Amino acid sequence: MNPQDIRNILGPELEAVKALVRSRLSSDVPILQDLNMRVAGNSGKFLRPILTLLMARACSGGRVSDDTRLFAAAVEMLHTATLFHDDVADGSDTRRGAPTAMSVFGPVPAVLVGDFWLARAVGLIADSNYHEWGMRAFARTFSDLAEGEMLQQQKASLCDTTEEEYLRIIYCKTASLFRLCAECGAKTVEAPPALFEAASEYSRAMGLAFQIKDDILDFEGGDIGKPAGVDLKERKITLPLLGALRGVSDPQEIRGMVKDIEAHPGNAAVINKLVLEGGGIDYAYRVLHDYVISAIDSLQALPHSRDREMLEELALLNETRKK
């Protein structure tokens, strides 16, 4: 089963979420309306709403609620808002092959559009029957996202990232939002505590595996919404490089090469070769596999269903996907 099969199975539920996103982004400011609709029409995989819907179904015997749809739309809008902000922070000109809002309109409008999406996401939460819980859950995730970005920026300036720090960064920047998605799904169908905890544990491990795979593809090459090799150029030390550093006699020399990469662009080819030939990719895949297995094991608390099987497939996909 591939992601398109899952999207087909969810069918009307997913289309309802997409329609909800478009309707809540409506604005009478022409430039904002144009940009919102352009971005909404190029929204990518819609993975996070899919996770919300699937987890709700897996916890409830195939049922979703109106609140599930509200939260599914809200998590997609939160995710997209973070992309607007990330593109400004990273100076990215393209995403998924299309010009970013930052490159077309400049950094200030891009940040403001991201803020608009965040505000509309909060409006969706406020309209739900779980608004008090939702506000706390989204606030926790907002905090994680900001802390993760700031820690990543700090570590990129020093080039001293440890594996523990790397895992904290990717939890905050990626897995925290996956966790929010699954918890929203479970909460909005009144899942009992054991199932809610299973949803939380699955999505945390799934999110870590997802980001590790993106970081692997940054070295191997893949369609992850940005050109390969960007992380290294931005002096981000990710798990494949950390794995390769375990086998070198002088890790500080390599870290110094990363730190000097802007002044010496040729360092990138040397480091990339080290990662590809020095065991870095293999190490990252082993860690990724452990998180995939942890995610699948967490699902055993849920009743067996096609929805649970689809969640298992989503976790396994991290070992093979190319985008």
C-alpha atoms as a PDB file:
ATOM      1  CA  MET A   1       0.000   0.000   0.000  1.00  0.00           C
ATOM      2  CA  ASN A   2       1.390   3.403  -0.981  1.00  0.00           C
ATOM      3  CA  PRO A   3       0.420   6.925   0.152  1.00  0.00           C
ATOM      4  CA  GLN A   4      -1.878   7.414  -2.819  1.00  0.00           C
ATOM      5  CA  ASP A   5      -3.793   4.253  -1.859  1.00  0.00           C
ATOM      6  CA  ILE A   6      -4.239   5.690   1.627  1.00  0.00           C
ATOM      7  CA  ARG A   7      -5.428   9.018   0.222  1.00  0.00           C
ATOM      8  CA  ASN A   8      -7.921   7.164  -1.979  1.00  0.00           C
ATOM      9  CA  ILE A   9      -9.278   5.205   0.990  1.00  0.00           C
ATOM     10  CA  LEU A  10      -9.722   8.350   3.071  1.00  0.00           C
ATOM     11  CA  GLY A  11     -11.324   9.979   0.026  1.00  0.00           C
ATOM     12  CA  PRO A  12     -14.237  12.224   1.074  1.00  0.00           C
ATOM     13  CA  GLU A  13     -12.847  12.791   4.577  1.00  0.00           C
ATOM     14  CA  LEU A  14      -9.590  14.156   3.192  1.00  0.00           C
ATOM     15  CA  GLU A  15     -11.386  16.276   0.596  1.00  0.00           C
ATOM     16  CA  ALA A  16     -13.525  17.757   3.363  1.00  0.00           C
ATOM     17  CA  VAL A  17     -10.379  18.767   5.235  1.00  0.00           C
ATOM     18  CA  LYS A  18      -8.872  20.333   2.108  1.00  0.00           C
ATOM     19  CA  ALA A  19     -12.086  22.294   1.509  1.00  0.00           C
ATOM     20  CA  LEU A  20     -12.039  23.451   5.116  1.00  0.00           C
ATOM     21  CA  VAL A  21      -8.470  24.716   4.740  1.00  0.00           C
ATOM     22  CA  ARG A  22      -9.365  26.667   1.595  1.00  0.00           C
ATOM     23  CA  SER A  23     -12.486  28.203   3.137  1.00  0.00           C
ATOM     24  CA  ARG A  24     -10.716  29.301   6.327  1.00  0.00           C
ATOM     25  CA  LEU A  25      -7.919  30.952   4.335  1.00  0.00           C
ATOM     26  CA  SER A  26     -10.280  33.235   2.446  1.00  0.00           C
ATOM     27  CA  SER A  27      -9.339  36.932   2.608  1.00  0.00           C
ATOM     28  CA  ASP A  28     -10.594  40.102   0.929  1.00  0.00           C
ATOM     29  CA  VAL A  29      -6.999  41.339   0.633  1.00  0.00           C
ATOM     30  CA  PRO A  30      -6.213  40.414  -2.995  1.00  0.00           C
ATOM     31  CA  ILE A  31      -2.493  39.712  -2.628  1.00  0.00           C
ATOM     32  CA  LEU A  32      -3.127  37.554   0.462  1.00  0.00           C
ATOM     33  CA  GLN A  33      -5.993  35.679  -1.188  1.00  0.00           C
ATOM     34  CA  ASP A  34      -3.901  34.999  -4.289  1.00  0.00           C
ATOM     35  CA  LEU A  35      -0.952  33.705  -2.307  1.00  0.00           C
ATOM     36  CA  ASN A  36      -3.117  31.609   0.024  1.00  0.00           C
ATOM     37  CA  MET A  37      -4.891  29.859  -2.827  1.00  0.00           C
ATOM     38  CA  ARG A  38      -1.624  29.338  -4.705  1.00  0.00           C
ATOM     39  CA  VAL A  39      -0.016  27.683  -1.701  1.00  0.00           C
ATOM     40  CA  ALA A  40      -3.130  25.670  -0.814  1.00  0.00           C
ATOM     41  CA  GLY A  41      -3.170  24.310  -4.368  1.00  0.00           C
ATOM     42  CA  ASN A  42       0.456  23.196  -4.057  1.00  0.00           C
ATOM     43  CA  SER A  43       0.078  21.655  -0.620  1.00  0.00           C
ATOM     44  CA  GLY A  44       2.164  18.529  -1.097  1.00  0.00           C
ATOM     45  CA  LYS A  45       1.434  15.194   0.518  1.00  0.00           C
ATOM     46  CA  PHE A  46      -1.084  16.340   3.172  1.00  0.00           C
ATOM     47  CA  LEU A  47       0.602  13.773   5.413  1.00  0.00           C
ATOM     48  CA  ARG A  48      -0.220  15.434   8.724  1.00  0.00           C
ATOM     49  CA  PRO A  49      -4.007  15.625   8.203  1.00  0.00           C
ATOM     50  CA  ILE A  50      -3.839  12.031   6.957  1.00  0.00           C
ATOM     51  CA  LEU A  51      -2.196  11.035  10.231  1.00  0.00           C
ATOM     52  CA  THR A  52      -4.898  12.833  12.228  1.00  0.00           C
ATOM     53  CA  LEU A  53      -7.712  11.153  10.294  1.00  0.00           C
ATOM     54  CA  LEU A  54      -6.138   7.698  10.337  1.00  0.00           C
ATOM     55  CA  MET A  55      -5.442   7.796  14.059  1.00  0.00           C
ATOM     56  CA  ALA A  56      -9.006   8.870  14.800  1.00  0.00           C
ATOM     57  CA  ARG A  57     -10.310   5.980  12.719  1.00  0.00           C
ATOM     58  CA  ALA A  58      -7.879   3.479  14.225  1.00  0.00           C
ATOM     59  CA  CYS A  59      -8.917   4.459  17.768  1.00  0.00           C
ATOM     60  CA  SER A  60     -12.670   4.417  17.126  1.00  0.00           C
ATOM     61  CA  GLY A  61     -13.500   1.611  14.743  1.00  0.00           C
ATOM     62  CA  GLY A  62     -13.365   3.755  11.613  1.00  0.00           C
ATOM     63  CA  ARG A  63     -15.078   6.913  12.834  1.00  0.00           C
ATOM     64  CA  VAL A  64     -14.030  10.559  12.561  1.00  0.00           C
ATOM     65  CA  SER A  65     -15.859  13.557  13.985  1.00  0.00           C
ATOM     66  CA  ASP A  66     -16.387  17.116  12.862  1.00  0.00           C
ATOM     67  CA  ASP A  67     -13.791  18.065  15.468  1.00  0.00           C
ATOM     68  CA  THR A  68     -11.335  15.620  13.896  1.00  0.00           C
ATOM     69  CA  ARG A  69     -11.696  17.467  10.611  1.00  0.00           C
ATOM     70  CA  LEU A  70     -11.234  20.840  12.302  1.00  0.00           C
ATOM     71  CA  PHE A  71      -8.014  19.685  13.930  1.00  0.00           C
ATOM     72  CA  ALA A  72      -6.803  17.975  10.747  1.00  0.00           C
ATOM     73  CA  ALA A  73      -7.186  21.276   8.897  1.00  0.00           C
ATOM     74  CA  ALA A  74      -5.518  23.168  11.747  1.00  0.00           C
ATOM     75  CA  VAL A  75      -2.421  20.952  11.813  1.00  0.00           C
ATOM     76  CA  GLU A  76      -1.985  21.351   8.054  1.00  0.00           C
ATOM     77  CA  MET A  77      -2.221  25.127   8.369  1.00  0.00           C
ATOM     78  CA  LEU A  78       0.254  25.110  11.258  1.00  0.00           C
ATOM     79  CA  HIS A  79       2.657  22.983   9.232  1.00  0.00           C
ATOM     80  CA  THR A  80       2.402  25.269   6.200  1.00  0.00           C
ATOM     81  CA  ALA A  81       2.937  28.337   8.389  1.00  0.00           C
ATOM     82  CA  THR A  82       6.185  26.832   9.664  1.00  0.00           C
ATOM     83  CA  LEU A  83       7.308  26.346   6.048  1.00  0.00           C
ATOM     84  CA  PHE A  84       6.743  30.043   5.309  1.00  0.00           C
ATOM     85  CA  HIS A  85       8.852  30.924   8.321  1.00  0.00           C
ATOM     86  CA  ASP A  86      11.513  28.273   7.598  1.00  0.00           C
ATOM     87  CA  ASP A  87      11.939  29.540   4.043  1.00  0.00           C
ATOM     88  CA  VAL A  88      12.659  33.012   5.403  1.00  0.00           C
ATOM     89  CA  ALA A  89      15.070  31.679   8.048  1.00  0.00           C
ATOM     90  CA  ASP A  90      16.878  29.531   5.456  1.00  0.00           C
ATOM     91  CA  GLY A  91      16.695  31.998   2.554  1.00  0.00           C
ATOM     92  CA  SER A  92      15.049  29.310   0.385  1.00  0.00           C
ATOM     93  CA  ASP A  93      14.045  30.314  -3.151  1.00  0.00           C
ATOM     94  CA  THR A  94      12.100  27.167  -4.058  1.00  0.00           C
ATOM     95  CA  ARG A  95      10.043  24.473  -2.361  1.00  0.00           C
ATOM     96  CA  ARG A  96       8.598  21.441  -4.142  1.00  0.00           C
ATOM     97  CA  GLY A  97       9.866  22.933  -7.382  1.00  0.00           C
ATOM     98  CA  ALA A  98       7.873  26.158  -7.010  1.00  0.00           C
ATOM     99  CA  PRO A  99       9.093  29.626  -5.968  1.00  0.00           C
ATOM    100  CA  THR A 100       8.637  30.314  -2.267  1.00  0.00           C
ATOM    101  CA  ALA A 101       6.585  33.236  -1.020  1.00  0.00           C
ATOM    102  CA  MET A 102       9.813  34.650   0.345  1.00  0.00           C
ATOM    103  CA  SER A 103      11.457  34.674  -3.083  1.00  0.00           C
ATOM    104  CA  VAL A 104       8.408  36.166  -4.845  1.00  0.00           C
ATOM    105  CA  PHE A 105       7.181  38.714  -2.311  1.00  0.00           C
ATOM    106  CA  GLY A 106      10.104  39.131   0.073  1.00  0.00           C
ATOM    107  CA  PRO A 107      10.723  38.024   3.662  1.00  0.00           C
ATOM    108  CA  VAL A 108       8.319  40.399   5.428  1.00  0.00           C
ATOM    109  CA  PRO A 109       5.193  39.379   3.449  1.00  0.00           C
ATOM    110  CA  ALA A 110       6.193  35.709   3.784  1.00  0.00           C
ATOM    111  CA  VAL A 111       6.391  35.990   7.578  1.00  0.00           C
ATOM    112  CA  LEU A 112       3.058  37.826   7.678  1.00  0.00           C
ATOM    113  CA  VAL A 113       1.378  35.187   5.523  1.00  0.00           C
ATOM    114  CA  GLY A 114       2.724  32.530   7.860  1.00  0.00           C
ATOM    115  CA  ASP A 115       1.270  34.467  10.785  1.00  0.00           C
ATOM    116  CA  PHE A 116      -2.086  34.614   8.965  1.00  0.00           C
ATOM    117  CA  TRP A 117      -2.122  30.827   8.542  1.00  0.00           C
ATOM    118  CA  LEU A 118      -1.288  30.406  12.230  1.00  0.00           C
ATOM    119  CA  ALA A 119      -4.115  32.745  13.217  1.00  0.00           C
ATOM    120  CA  ARG A 120      -6.622  30.867  11.081  1.00  0.00           C
ATOM    121  CA  ALA A 121      -5.415  27.565  12.559  1.00  0.00           C
ATOM    122  CA  VAL A 122      -6.104  28.929  16.045  1.00  0.00           C
ATOM    123  CA  GLY A 123      -9.577  29.922  14.856  1.00  0.00           C
ATOM    124  CA  LEU A 124     -10.265  26.330  13.862  1.00  0.00           C
ATOM    125  CA  ILE A 125      -9.216  25.107  17.308  1.00  0.00           C
ATOM    126  CA  ALA A 126     -11.433  27.696  18.968  1.00  0.00           C
ATOM    127  CA  ASP A 127     -14.438  26.369  17.011  1.00  0.00           C
ATOM    128  CA  SER A 128     -13.982  22.803  18.273  1.00  0.00           C
ATOM    129  CA  ASN A 129     -15.491  21.119  21.318  1.00  0.00           C
ATOM    130  CA  TYR A 130     -11.942  20.468  22.514  1.00  0.00           C
ATOM    131  CA  HIS A 131     -10.719  24.053  22.351  1.00  0.00           C
ATOM    132  CA  GLU A 132      -9.233  24.146  25.860  1.00  0.00           C
ATOM    133  CA  TRP A 133      -7.257  20.947  25.338  1.00  0.00           C
ATOM    134  CA  GLY A 134      -6.411  22.020  21.788  1.00  0.00           C
ATOM    135  CA  MET A 135      -5.036  25.407  22.814  1.00  0.00           C
ATOM    136  CA  ARG A 136      -2.707  23.761  25.316  1.00  0.00           C
ATOM    137  CA  ALA A 137      -1.610  21.086  22.844  1.00  0.00           C
ATOM    138  CA  PHE A 138      -0.958  23.589  20.063  1.00  0.00           C
ATOM    139  CA  ALA A 139       0.837  25.959  22.465  1.00  0.00           C
ATOM    140  CA  ARG A 140       3.141  23.105  23.476  1.00  0.00           C
ATOM    141  CA  THR A 141       3.890  22.408  19.825  1.00  0.00           C
ATOM    142  CA  PHE A 142       4.447  26.099  18.997  1.00  0.00           C
ATOM    143  CA  SER A 143       6.991  26.196  21.823  1.00  0.00           C
ATOM    144  CA  ASP A 144       8.715  23.015  20.623  1.00  0.00           C
ATOM    145  CA  LEU A 145       8.951  24.313  17.067  1.00  0.00           C
ATOM    146  CA  ALA A 146      10.484  27.613  18.156  1.00  0.00           C
ATOM    147  CA  GLU A 147      12.938  26.000  20.562  1.00  0.00           C
ATOM    148  CA  GLY A 148      13.995  23.471  17.946  1.00  0.00           C
ATOM    149  CA  GLU A 149      14.670  26.157  15.363  1.00  0.00           C
ATOM    150  CA  MET A 150      16.647  28.280  17.805  1.00  0.00           C
ATOM    151  CA  LEU A 151      18.710  25.310  18.994  1.00  0.00           C
ATOM    152  CA  GLN A 152      19.411  24.316  15.396  1.00  0.00           C
ATOM    153  CA  GLN A 153      20.550  27.847  14.578  1.00  0.00           C
ATOM    154  CA  GLN A 154      22.828  27.898  17.628  1.00  0.00           C
ATOM    155  CA  LYS A 155      24.342  24.512  16.832  1.00  0.00           C
ATOM    156  CA  ALA A 156      24.857  25.461  13.165  1.00  0.00           C
ATOM    157  CA  SER A 157      26.894  28.466  14.229  1.00  0.00           C
ATOM    158  CA  LEU A 158      29.093  26.356  16.515  1.00  0.00           C
ATOM    159  CA  CYS A 159      29.104  23.082  14.502  1.00  0.00           C
ATOM    160  CA  ASP A 160      29.248  21.117  17.754  1.00  0.00           C
ATOM    161  CA  THR A 161      25.948  19.214  17.511  1.00  0.00           C
ATOM    162  CA  THR A 162      25.895  15.935  19.455  1.00  0.00           C
ATOM    163  CA  GLU A 163      23.554  13.054  18.641  1.00  0.00           C
ATOM    164  CA  GLU A 164      21.480  13.842  21.726  1.00  0.00           C
ATOM    165  CA  GLU A 165      21.110  17.450  20.604  1.00  0.00           C
ATOM    166  CA  TYR A 166      20.308  16.349  17.062  1.00  0.00           C
ATOM    167  CA  LEU A 167      17.493  14.127  18.338  1.00  0.00           C
ATOM    168  CA  ARG A 168      16.113  16.979  20.424  1.00  0.00           C
ATOM    169  CA  ILE A 169      16.185  19.277  17.391  1.00  0.00           C
ATOM    170  CA  ILE A 170      14.352  16.860  15.130  1.00  0.00           C
ATOM    171  CA  TYR A 171      11.831  16.030  17.846  1.00  0.00           C
ATOM    172  CA  CYS A 172      11.044  19.720  18.278  1.00  0.00           C
ATOM    173  CA  LYS A 173      11.078  20.651  14.589  1.00  0.00           C
ATOM    174  CA  THR A 174       9.329  17.576  13.139  1.00  0.00           C
ATOM    175  CA  ALA A 175       8.207  14.891  15.556  1.00  0.00           C
ATOM    176  CA  SER A 176       6.398  17.299  17.884  1.00  0.00           C
ATOM    177  CA  LEU A 177       3.995  18.176  15.074  1.00  0.00           C
ATOM    178  CA  PHE A 178       3.488  14.502  14.154  1.00  0.00           C
ATOM    179  CA  ARG A 179       2.708  13.875  17.823  1.00  0.00           C
ATOM    180  CA  LEU A 180       0.181  16.708  17.819  1.00  0.00           C
ATOM    181  CA  CYS A 181      -1.534  15.292  14.729  1.00  0.00           C
ATOM    182  CA  ALA A 182      -2.016  11.823  16.176  1.00  0.00           C
ATOM    183  CA  GLU A 183      -3.057  13.104  19.585  1.00  0.00           C
ATOM    184  CA  CYS A 184      -5.667  15.347  17.930  1.00  0.00           C
ATOM    185  CA  GLY A 185      -7.057  12.330  16.105  1.00  0.00           C
ATOM    186  CA  ALA A 186      -7.256  10.255  19.269  1.00  0.00           C
ATOM    187  CA  LYS A 187      -8.666  13.066  21.417  1.00  0.00           C
ATOM    188  CA  THR A 188     -11.473  14.000  19.026  1.00  0.00           C
ATOM    189  CA  VAL A 189     -12.924  10.466  19.075  1.00  0.00           C
ATOM    190  CA  GLU A 190     -12.647  10.197  22.872  1.00  0.00           C
ATOM    191  CA  ALA A 191      -9.973   7.487  22.761  1.00  0.00           C
ATOM    192  CA  PRO A 192      -9.333   5.925  26.190  1.00  0.00           C
ATOM    193  CA  PRO A 193      -6.022   6.771  27.898  1.00  0.00           C
ATOM    194  CA  ALA A 194      -4.188   3.638  26.738  1.00  0.00           C
ATOM    195  CA  LEU A 195      -5.033   4.330  23.087  1.00  0.00           C
ATOM    196  CA  PHE A 196      -4.218   8.033  23.425  1.00  0.00           C
ATOM    197  CA  GLU A 197      -0.797   7.124  24.834  1.00  0.00           C
ATOM    198  CA  ALA A 198      -0.235   4.633  22.006  1.00  0.00           C
ATOM    199  CA  ALA A 199      -1.089   7.353  19.480  1.00  0.00           C
ATOM    200  CA  SER A 200       1.377   9.714  21.143  1.00  0.00           C
ATOM    201  CA  GLU A 201       4.209   7.167  21.233  1.00  0.00           C
ATOM    202  CA  TYR A 202       3.614   6.016  17.647  1.00  0.00           C
ATOM    203  CA  SER A 203       3.688   9.533  16.252  1.00  0.00           C
ATOM    204  CA  ARG A 204       6.774  10.574  18.205  1.00  0.00           C
ATOM    205  CA  ALA A 205       8.755   7.631  16.820  1.00  0.00           C
ATOM    206  CA  MET A 206       7.208   8.055  13.365  1.00  0.00           C
ATOM    207  CA  GLY A 207       8.170  11.732  13.291  1.00  0.00           C
ATOM    208  CA  LEU A 208      11.767  11.025  14.297  1.00  0.00           C
ATOM    209  CA  ALA A 209      12.048   8.349  11.600  1.00  0.00           C
ATOM    210  CA  PHE A 210      10.538  10.717   9.030  1.00  0.00           C
ATOM    211  CA  GLN A 211      13.075  13.463   9.707  1.00  0.00           C
ATOM    212  CA  ILE A 212      16.012  11.056   9.800  1.00  0.00           C
ATOM    213  CA  LYS A 213      14.975   9.833   6.344  1.00  0.00           C
ATOM    214  CA  ASP A 214      14.812  13.414   5.053  1.00  0.00           C
ATOM    215  CA  ASP A 215      18.315  13.961   6.424  1.00  0.00           C
ATOM    216  CA  ILE A 216      19.525  10.799   4.697  1.00  0.00           C
ATOM    217  CA  LEU A 217      17.972  11.949   1.420  1.00  0.00           C
ATOM    218  CA  ASP A 218      19.796  15.264   1.777  1.00  0.00           C
ATOM    219  CA  PHE A 219      22.982  13.252   1.207  1.00  0.00           C
ATOM    220  CA  GLU A 220      21.625  10.524  -1.100  1.00  0.00           C
ATOM    221  CA  GLY A 221      19.493  12.864  -3.198  1.00  0.00           C
ATOM    222  CA  GLY A 222      15.708  12.876  -3.197  1.00  0.00           C
ATOM    223  CA  ASP A 223      12.635  15.035  -3.738  1.00  0.00           C
ATOM    224  CA  ILE A 224      12.131  16.473  -0.249  1.00  0.00           C
ATOM    225  CA  GLY A 225      11.027  19.961  -1.271  1.00  0.00           C
ATOM    226  CA  LYS A 226      14.539  21.422  -1.460  1.00  0.00           C
ATOM    227  CA  PRO A 227      17.762  20.621  -3.331  1.00  0.00           C
ATOM    228  CA  ALA A 228      20.062  17.932  -1.935  1.00  0.00           C
ATOM    229  CA  GLY A 229      23.034  19.105   0.096  1.00  0.00           C
ATOM    230  CA  VAL A 230      21.334  22.148   1.579  1.00  0.00           C
ATOM    231  CA  ASP A 231      21.743  21.027   5.194  1.00  0.00           C
ATOM    232  CA  LEU A 232      25.510  20.781   4.857  1.00  0.00           C
ATOM    233  CA  LYS A 233      25.740  24.173   3.170  1.00  0.00           C
ATOM    234  CA  GLU A 234      23.801  25.590   6.113  1.00  0.00           C
ATOM    235  CA  ARG A 235      26.283  23.920   8.499  1.00  0.00           C
ATOM    236  CA  LYS A 236      23.637  21.613   9.973  1.00  0.00           C
ATOM    237  CA  ILE A 237      25.236  18.467  11.343  1.00  0.00           C
ATOM    238  CA  THR A 238      22.649  15.716  10.957  1.00  0.00           C
ATOM    239  CA  LEU A 239      22.596  12.007  11.794  1.00  0.00           C
ATOM    240  CA  PRO A 240      24.346  10.672   8.640  1.00  0.00           C
ATOM    241  CA  LEU A 241      27.324  12.916   9.337  1.00  0.00           C
ATOM    242  CA  LEU A 242      27.243  12.106  13.047  1.00  0.00           C
ATOM    243  CA  GLY A 243      27.339   8.428  12.093  1.00  0.00           C
ATOM    244  CA  ALA A 244      30.339   8.961   9.829  1.00  0.00           C
ATOM    245  CA  LEU A 245      32.149  10.929  12.553  1.00  0.00           C
ATOM    246  CA  ARG A 246      32.046   7.850  14.783  1.00  0.00           C
ATOM    247  CA  GLY A 247      34.604   6.220  12.489  1.00  0.00           C
ATOM    248  CA  VAL A 248      37.128   9.038  11.986  1.00  0.00           C
ATOM    249  CA  SER A 249      40.216   9.655  14.078  1.00  0.00           C
ATOM    250  CA  ASP A 250      39.741  13.422  14.332  1.00  0.00           C
ATOM    251  CA  PRO A 251      36.042  14.403  14.335  1.00  0.00           C
ATOM    252  CA  GLN A 252      36.945  17.987  15.204  1.00  0.00           C
ATOM    253  CA  GLU A 253      38.783  18.358  11.914  1.00  0.00           C
ATOM    254  CA  ILE A 254      35.614  17.422  10.021  1.00  0.00           C
ATOM    255  CA  ARG A 255      33.504  19.709  12.184  1.00  0.00           C
ATOM    256  CA  GLY A 256      35.952  22.493  11.346  1.00  0.00           C
ATOM    257  CA  MET A 257      35.469  21.776   7.651  1.00  0.00           C
ATOM    258  CA  VAL A 258      31.704  22.117   8.122  1.00  0.00           C
ATOM    259  CA  LYS A 259      32.186  25.398   9.971  1.00  0.00           C
ATOM    260  CA  ASP A 260      34.342  26.765   7.125  1.00  0.00           C
ATOM    261  CA  ILE A 261      32.088  25.509   4.340  1.00  0.00           C
ATOM    262  CA  GLU A 262      30.912  28.966   3.251  1.00  0.00           C
ATOM    263  CA  ALA A 263      34.485  30.144   2.758  1.00  0.00           C
ATOM    264  CA  HIS A 264      35.557  26.785   1.300  1.00  0.00           C
ATOM    265  CA  PRO A 265      32.644  25.321  -0.705  1.00  0.00           C
ATOM    266  CA  GLY A 266      34.835  22.416  -1.837  1.00  0.00           C
ATOM    267  CA  ASN A 267      34.601  21.033   1.690  1.00  0.00           C
ATOM    268  CA  ALA A 268      31.054  19.898   0.891  1.00  0.00           C
ATOM    269  CA  ALA A 269      32.224  17.266  -1.615  1.00  0.00           C
ATOM    270  CA  VAL A 270      34.792  15.898   0.833  1.00  0.00           C
ATOM    271  CA  ILE A 271      32.278  15.641   3.661  1.00  0.00           C
ATOM    272  CA  ASN A 272      29.605  14.164   1.409  1.00  0.00           C
ATOM    273  CA  LYS A 273      32.038  11.449   0.297  1.00  0.00           C
ATOM    274  CA  LEU A 274      32.893  10.713   3.917  1.00  0.00           C
ATOM    275  CA  VAL A 275      29.224  10.270   4.781  1.00  0.00           C
ATOM    276  CA  LEU A 276      28.444   8.074   1.764  1.00  0.00           C
ATOM    277  CA  GLU A 277      31.547   5.889   2.035  1.00  0.00           C
ATOM    278  CA  GLY A 278      32.284   6.064   5.757  1.00  0.00           C
ATOM    279  CA  GLY A 279      29.222   4.330   7.139  1.00  0.00           C
ATOM    280  CA  GLY A 280      27.185   7.430   7.918  1.00  0.00           C
ATOM    281  CA  ILE A 281      24.200   6.438   5.803  1.00  0.00           C
ATOM    282  CA  ASP A 282      24.172   2.887   7.157  1.00  0.00           C
ATOM    283  CA  TYR A 283      24.288   4.183  10.716  1.00  0.00           C
ATOM    284  CA  ALA A 284      21.402   6.582  10.104  1.00  0.00           C
ATOM    285  CA  TYR A 285      19.325   3.805   8.541  1.00  0.00           C
ATOM    286  CA  ARG A 286      19.898   1.597  11.590  1.00  0.00           C
ATOM    287  CA  VAL A 287      18.658   4.325  13.922  1.00  0.00           C
ATOM    288  CA  LEU A 288      15.741   5.033  11.581  1.00  0.00           C
ATOM    289  CA  HIS A 289      14.808   1.329  11.568  1.00  0.00           C
ATOM    290  CA  ASP A 290      14.747   1.249  15.372  1.00  0.00           C
ATOM    291  CA  TYR A 291      12.277   4.141  15.423  1.00  0.00           C
ATOM    292  CA  VAL A 292      10.100   2.504  12.764  1.00  0.00           C
ATOM    293  CA  ILE A 293       9.912  -0.676  14.832  1.00  0.00           C
ATOM    294  CA  SER A 294       9.149   1.361  17.955  1.00  0.00           C
ATOM    295  CA  ALA A 295       6.315   3.133  16.124  1.00  0.00           C
ATOM    296  CA  ILE A 296       4.804  -0.141  14.913  1.00  0.00           C
ATOM    297  CA  ASP A 297       5.138  -1.738  18.354  1.00  0.00           C
ATOM    298  CA  SER A 298       3.227   1.181  19.868  1.00  0.00           C
ATOM    299  CA  LEU A 299       0.277   0.445  17.591  1.00  0.00           C
ATOM    300  CA  GLN A 300      -0.235  -3.007  19.091  1.00  0.00           C
ATOM    301  CA  ALA A 301      -2.346  -1.380  21.821  1.00  0.00           C
ATOM    302  CA  LEU A 302      -4.895  -0.407  19.154  1.00  0.00           C
ATOM    303  CA  PRO A 303      -7.500  -2.894  17.892  1.00  0.00           C
ATOM    304  CA  HIS A 304      -6.528  -4.543  14.629  1.00  0.00           C
ATOM    305  CA  SER A 305      -8.052  -2.770  11.631  1.00  0.00           C
ATOM    306  CA  ARG A 306      -7.254  -1.614   8.134  1.00  0.00           C
ATOM    307  CA  ASP A 307      -6.616   1.840   9.585  1.00  0.00           C
ATOM    308  CA  ARG A 308      -3.989   0.453  11.958  1.00  0.00           C
ATOM    309  CA  GLU A 309      -2.412  -1.385   9.038  1.00  0.00           C
ATOM    310  CA  MET A 310      -2.233   1.884   7.108  1.00  0.00           C
ATOM    311  CA  LEU A 311      -0.490   3.545  10.059  1.00  0.00           C
ATOM    312  CA  GLU A 312       2.014   0.676  10.048  1.00  0.00           C
ATOM    313  CA  GLU A 313       2.546   1.192   6.310  1.00  0.00           C
ATOM    314  CA  LEU A 314       3.199   4.902   6.831  1.00  0.00           C
ATOM    315  CA  ALA A 315       5.895   4.079   9.372  1.00  0.00           C
ATOM    316  CA  LEU A 316       7.499   1.454   7.135  1.00  0.00           C
ATOM    317  CA  LEU A 317       7.490   3.830   4.180  1.00  0.00           C
ATOM    318  CA  ASN A 318      10.264   5.830   5.862  1.00  0.00           C
ATOM    319  CA  GLU A 319      12.710   3.035   5.059  1.00  0.00           C
ATOM    320  CA  THR A 320      12.025   3.111   1.315  1.00  0.00           C
ATOM    321  CA  ARG A 321      10.594   6.460   0.242  1.00  0.00           C
ATOM    322  CA  LYS A 322      12.567   8.732  -2.091  1.00  0.00           C
ATOM    323  CA  LYS A 323      10.599  11.915  -1.423  1.00  0.00           C
END
